[in-house]
Protein backbone atom coordinates (compact mmCIF):
# COMPACT_ATOMS: atom_id res chain seq x y z
CA UNK A 1 102.86 115.42 79.25
CA UNK A 2 102.39 112.42 81.69
CA UNK A 3 106.02 112.39 82.47
CA UNK A 4 105.66 116.23 83.50
CA UNK A 5 102.52 115.75 85.82
CA UNK A 6 104.25 112.52 87.28
CA UNK A 7 107.60 114.57 88.10
CA UNK A 8 105.23 117.46 89.72
CA UNK A 9 103.07 114.76 91.52
CA UNK A 10 106.33 113.12 93.01
CA UNK A 11 107.97 116.63 94.04
CA UNK A 12 104.59 117.50 95.74
CA UNK A 13 104.93 114.44 97.62
CA UNK A 14 108.37 115.00 98.74
CA UNK A 15 107.55 118.64 99.67
CA UNK A 16 104.57 117.07 101.74
CA UNK A 17 106.96 114.50 103.50
CA UNK A 18 109.54 117.17 104.38
CA UNK A 19 106.59 119.51 105.64
CA UNK A 20 105.17 116.72 107.35
CA UNK A 21 108.44 115.93 109.27
CA UNK A 22 109.23 120.00 110.02
CA UNK A 23 105.67 120.22 111.90
CA UNK A 24 105.76 117.27 113.61
CA UNK A 25 109.21 118.78 115.59
CA UNK A 26 107.40 121.95 115.78
CA UNK A 27 104.14 120.57 117.22
CA UNK A 28 106.01 117.72 119.55
CA UNK A 29 108.71 120.58 120.57
CA UNK A 30 105.73 123.07 121.43
CA UNK A 31 106.78 125.64 118.98
CA UNK A 32 103.33 125.40 117.51
CA UNK A 33 101.30 125.62 120.79
CA UNK A 34 98.46 122.97 121.57
CA UNK A 35 95.09 124.05 120.39
CA UNK A 36 96.51 126.92 118.30
CA UNK A 37 95.05 127.48 114.46
CA UNK A 38 97.58 126.61 111.55
CA UNK A 39 96.98 129.17 109.03
CA UNK A 40 97.81 127.44 105.61
CA UNK A 41 99.14 130.60 103.71
CA UNK A 42 101.43 131.12 106.31
CA UNK A 43 102.86 127.68 106.16
CA UNK A 44 103.08 127.66 102.25
CA UNK A 45 105.13 130.93 102.72
CA UNK A 46 107.27 129.85 105.39
CA UNK A 47 108.26 126.52 102.93
CA UNK A 48 107.84 128.48 99.81
CA UNK A 49 105.53 125.81 98.06
CA UNK A 50 101.85 125.96 97.20
CA UNK A 51 98.79 125.11 99.09
CA UNK A 52 98.64 121.38 97.86
CA UNK A 53 101.55 119.76 99.61
CA UNK A 54 100.78 122.03 102.84
CA UNK A 55 97.43 120.27 103.03
CA UNK A 56 98.72 116.85 102.24
CA UNK A 57 101.42 117.33 105.15
CA UNK A 58 98.51 118.65 107.50
CA UNK A 59 96.21 115.69 106.66
CA UNK A 60 98.99 113.04 107.42
CA UNK A 61 99.64 115.15 110.72
CA UNK A 62 95.62 114.68 111.19
CA UNK A 63 95.75 110.95 110.84
CA UNK A 64 98.22 110.84 113.47
CA UNK A 65 96.13 112.95 115.81
CA UNK A 66 98.83 115.72 116.08
CA UNK A 67 96.30 117.90 114.11
CA UNK A 68 92.56 118.36 114.19
CA UNK A 69 90.60 119.07 111.09
CA UNK A 70 87.50 120.84 111.08
CA UNK A 71 85.31 122.21 108.15
CA UNK A 72 84.39 125.37 109.89
CA UNK A 73 87.46 126.16 111.73
CA UNK A 74 90.08 124.26 109.44
CA UNK A 75 93.34 122.94 110.85
CA UNK A 76 94.60 123.29 114.48
CA UNK A 77 97.39 121.71 116.46
CA UNK A 78 95.52 119.27 118.75
CA UNK A 79 94.57 120.23 122.13
CA UNK A 80 95.95 118.66 125.39
CA UNK A 81 94.32 117.63 128.32
CA UNK A 82 94.49 115.48 131.71
CA UNK A 83 91.83 113.09 130.26
CA UNK A 84 93.41 112.54 126.64
CA UNK A 85 96.58 111.96 128.51
CA UNK A 86 95.17 109.42 130.87
CA UNK A 87 93.60 107.51 128.05
CA UNK A 88 96.77 108.16 125.87
CA UNK A 89 99.00 106.64 128.83
CA UNK A 90 96.57 103.45 129.22
CA UNK A 91 96.98 103.04 125.22
CA UNK A 92 100.51 103.35 125.49
CA UNK A 93 101.22 101.01 128.13
CA UNK A 94 99.23 98.28 126.64
CA UNK A 95 100.46 98.29 123.29
CA UNK A 96 104.25 98.72 124.58
CA UNK A 97 103.80 95.83 127.10
CA UNK A 98 102.50 93.77 124.09
CA UNK A 99 105.46 95.05 122.05
CA UNK A 100 107.88 94.38 124.49
CA UNK A 101 107.21 91.08 125.91
CA UNK A 102 106.96 89.75 122.32
CA UNK A 103 110.65 91.15 121.88
CA UNK A 104 111.98 89.65 125.05
CA UNK A 105 110.47 86.28 123.71
CA UNK A 106 111.38 86.19 119.76
CA UNK A 107 114.37 88.67 120.32
CA UNK A 108 118.15 87.41 119.56
CA UNK A 109 121.58 88.21 120.35
CA UNK A 110 121.50 91.02 117.47
CA UNK A 111 118.62 92.66 118.99
CA UNK A 112 120.05 92.67 122.69
CA UNK A 113 123.09 94.52 121.15
CA UNK A 114 120.73 97.00 119.40
CA UNK A 115 119.16 97.81 122.63
CA UNK A 116 122.17 98.22 124.58
CA UNK A 117 123.74 100.20 121.79
CA UNK A 118 120.79 102.66 121.73
CA UNK A 119 120.89 103.04 125.67
CA UNK A 120 124.72 103.84 125.32
CA UNK A 121 124.13 106.46 122.45
CA UNK A 122 121.37 107.94 124.83
CA UNK A 123 123.15 107.85 128.23
CA UNK A 124 126.05 109.82 126.25
CA UNK A 125 123.99 112.98 125.04
CA UNK A 126 122.70 115.80 127.23
CA UNK A 127 119.01 116.15 127.18
CA UNK A 128 119.33 119.81 127.70
CA UNK A 129 121.00 122.69 125.96
CA UNK A 130 123.86 123.70 128.08
CA UNK A 131 123.14 127.46 127.41
CA UNK A 132 118.98 127.07 128.28
CA UNK A 133 118.44 124.65 131.39
CA UNK A 134 114.75 124.30 130.14
CA UNK A 135 115.43 124.03 126.30
CA UNK A 136 115.31 120.35 124.94
CA UNK A 137 118.59 118.78 123.43
CA UNK A 138 117.18 117.65 119.43
CA UNK A 139 119.88 114.89 119.78
CA UNK A 140 118.88 113.86 122.94
CA UNK A 141 115.17 113.73 121.95
CA UNK A 142 116.10 111.53 118.72
CA UNK A 143 118.35 109.35 120.81
CA UNK A 144 115.49 108.75 123.24
CA UNK A 145 113.07 107.70 120.49
CA UNK A 146 115.45 105.13 118.98
CA UNK A 147 116.25 103.85 122.47
CA UNK A 148 112.30 103.17 123.23
CA UNK A 149 111.97 101.94 119.57
CA UNK A 150 114.82 99.43 119.79
CA UNK A 151 113.18 97.86 122.83
CA UNK A 152 110.00 96.65 120.43
CA UNK A 153 111.93 96.05 117.23
CA UNK A 154 111.91 92.35 117.73
CA UNK A 155 108.39 91.70 118.30
CA UNK A 156 107.28 90.72 114.77
CA UNK A 157 104.63 93.15 114.19
CA UNK A 158 105.25 96.39 112.16
CA UNK A 159 101.69 97.48 113.29
CA UNK A 160 102.25 97.48 116.88
CA UNK A 161 106.01 99.47 116.21
CA UNK A 162 103.95 102.14 113.93
CA UNK A 163 101.42 102.50 116.49
CA UNK A 164 103.88 102.92 119.41
CA UNK A 165 106.03 105.68 117.47
CA UNK A 166 102.47 107.43 116.86
CA UNK A 167 101.90 107.10 120.79
CA UNK A 168 105.09 108.33 121.32
CA UNK A 169 104.92 111.69 119.40
CA UNK A 170 101.69 112.60 121.02
CA UNK A 171 103.17 111.63 124.91
CA UNK A 172 106.26 113.90 124.04
CA UNK A 173 104.24 116.90 123.57
CA UNK A 174 103.12 116.58 127.29
CA UNK A 175 106.60 115.87 128.15
CA UNK A 176 107.46 119.24 126.48
CA UNK A 177 104.84 120.85 128.20
CA UNK A 178 106.20 120.08 131.36
CA UNK A 179 109.33 120.65 130.91
CA UNK A 180 108.62 124.09 129.84
CA UNK A 181 106.46 124.71 132.74
CA UNK A 182 108.63 123.50 135.35
CA UNK A 183 112.23 123.76 136.15
CA UNK A 184 114.98 120.98 135.46
CA UNK A 185 113.67 118.79 138.09
CA UNK A 186 111.70 117.34 135.33
CA UNK A 187 114.98 115.83 133.37
CA UNK A 188 114.73 112.44 132.09
CA UNK A 189 116.87 110.31 134.59
CA UNK A 190 119.37 108.12 132.84
CA UNK A 191 118.95 105.21 135.54
CA UNK A 192 115.63 104.49 134.28
CA UNK A 193 116.49 103.67 131.05
CA UNK A 194 119.17 101.93 132.48
CA UNK A 195 117.11 99.63 134.31
CA UNK A 196 114.64 99.21 131.52
CA UNK A 197 117.60 97.98 129.26
CA UNK A 198 118.84 95.90 132.02
CA UNK A 199 116.00 94.12 132.89
CA UNK A 200 115.20 93.61 128.97
CA UNK A 201 118.53 91.97 127.97
CA UNK A 202 118.36 89.75 131.06
CA UNK A 203 114.72 88.47 129.49
CA UNK A 204 113.10 89.51 132.66
CA UNK A 205 109.56 90.30 131.05
CA UNK A 206 107.46 91.09 134.06
CA UNK A 207 110.46 93.68 135.34
CA UNK A 208 110.89 95.40 132.15
CA UNK A 209 107.27 95.88 131.55
CA UNK A 210 106.81 97.10 135.21
CA UNK A 211 109.60 99.57 134.65
CA UNK A 212 108.76 100.81 131.31
CA UNK A 213 105.10 101.31 132.32
CA UNK A 214 106.23 103.50 135.41
CA UNK A 215 108.73 105.46 133.08
CA UNK A 216 105.94 106.00 131.08
CA UNK A 217 103.52 107.23 133.65
CA UNK A 218 105.85 109.88 135.24
CA UNK A 219 104.97 111.82 131.99
CA UNK A 220 101.50 112.15 133.57
CA UNK A 221 102.76 113.01 136.99
CA UNK A 222 105.13 115.49 135.69
CA UNK A 223 102.42 117.23 133.32
CA UNK A 224 99.55 117.26 136.06
CA UNK A 225 102.47 118.86 138.41
CA UNK A 226 103.09 121.64 135.77
CA UNK A 227 99.38 122.24 135.37
CA UNK A 228 99.13 122.43 139.40
CA UNK A 229 102.02 124.88 139.38
CA UNK A 230 100.83 127.08 136.93
CA UNK A 231 97.42 127.13 138.20
CA UNK A 232 98.78 128.24 141.56
CA UNK A 233 100.41 130.91 140.09
CA UNK A 234 97.72 132.06 138.18
């Protein structure tokens, strides 16, 4: 009986993890619209599971600030706004600066090689799907995440790396919103990533941080430009 209950609990935990990652991708890509209601029964039917792993998945996403939970309104995708984006970017710049400076100070040759390799892989993948100029390429998105994480891997603090991962997810929502609202001009230029990589491996902390923060702030500009363009069309 105990073994059976333990196996069931382990299976539900695994299911919750799978559902969490699938919904995370849907939220970040915009497949689940910001502010939209998440219906538990529909999610359960989609994955062919009971309510328990669905609630666990949504609770995890709530802790990551991708989902909002209310006793009266249930679960909703977290809304987006200019004020939230400004606050997000301030936190992102602060934490990534600390992580990058510490990585440059503490990182060894193996870390440098990992940063260069992450950039190389990113630079070889198109950020758009050829058949749809405004559709994001999941392979590029994954390589983009790996590159930014590689910059921080030698900082010596898993807390900073994990928090920066969380901020990366939320910032990516805004990037996808801007991408969908505008044309291919929102593309992330490889030159920005190359410059960040080169300053990092050259151990020029001030330049690397300046370039990284400027890169982050493009998300703010692109999103606000996209919102203004949508408002002008309305």
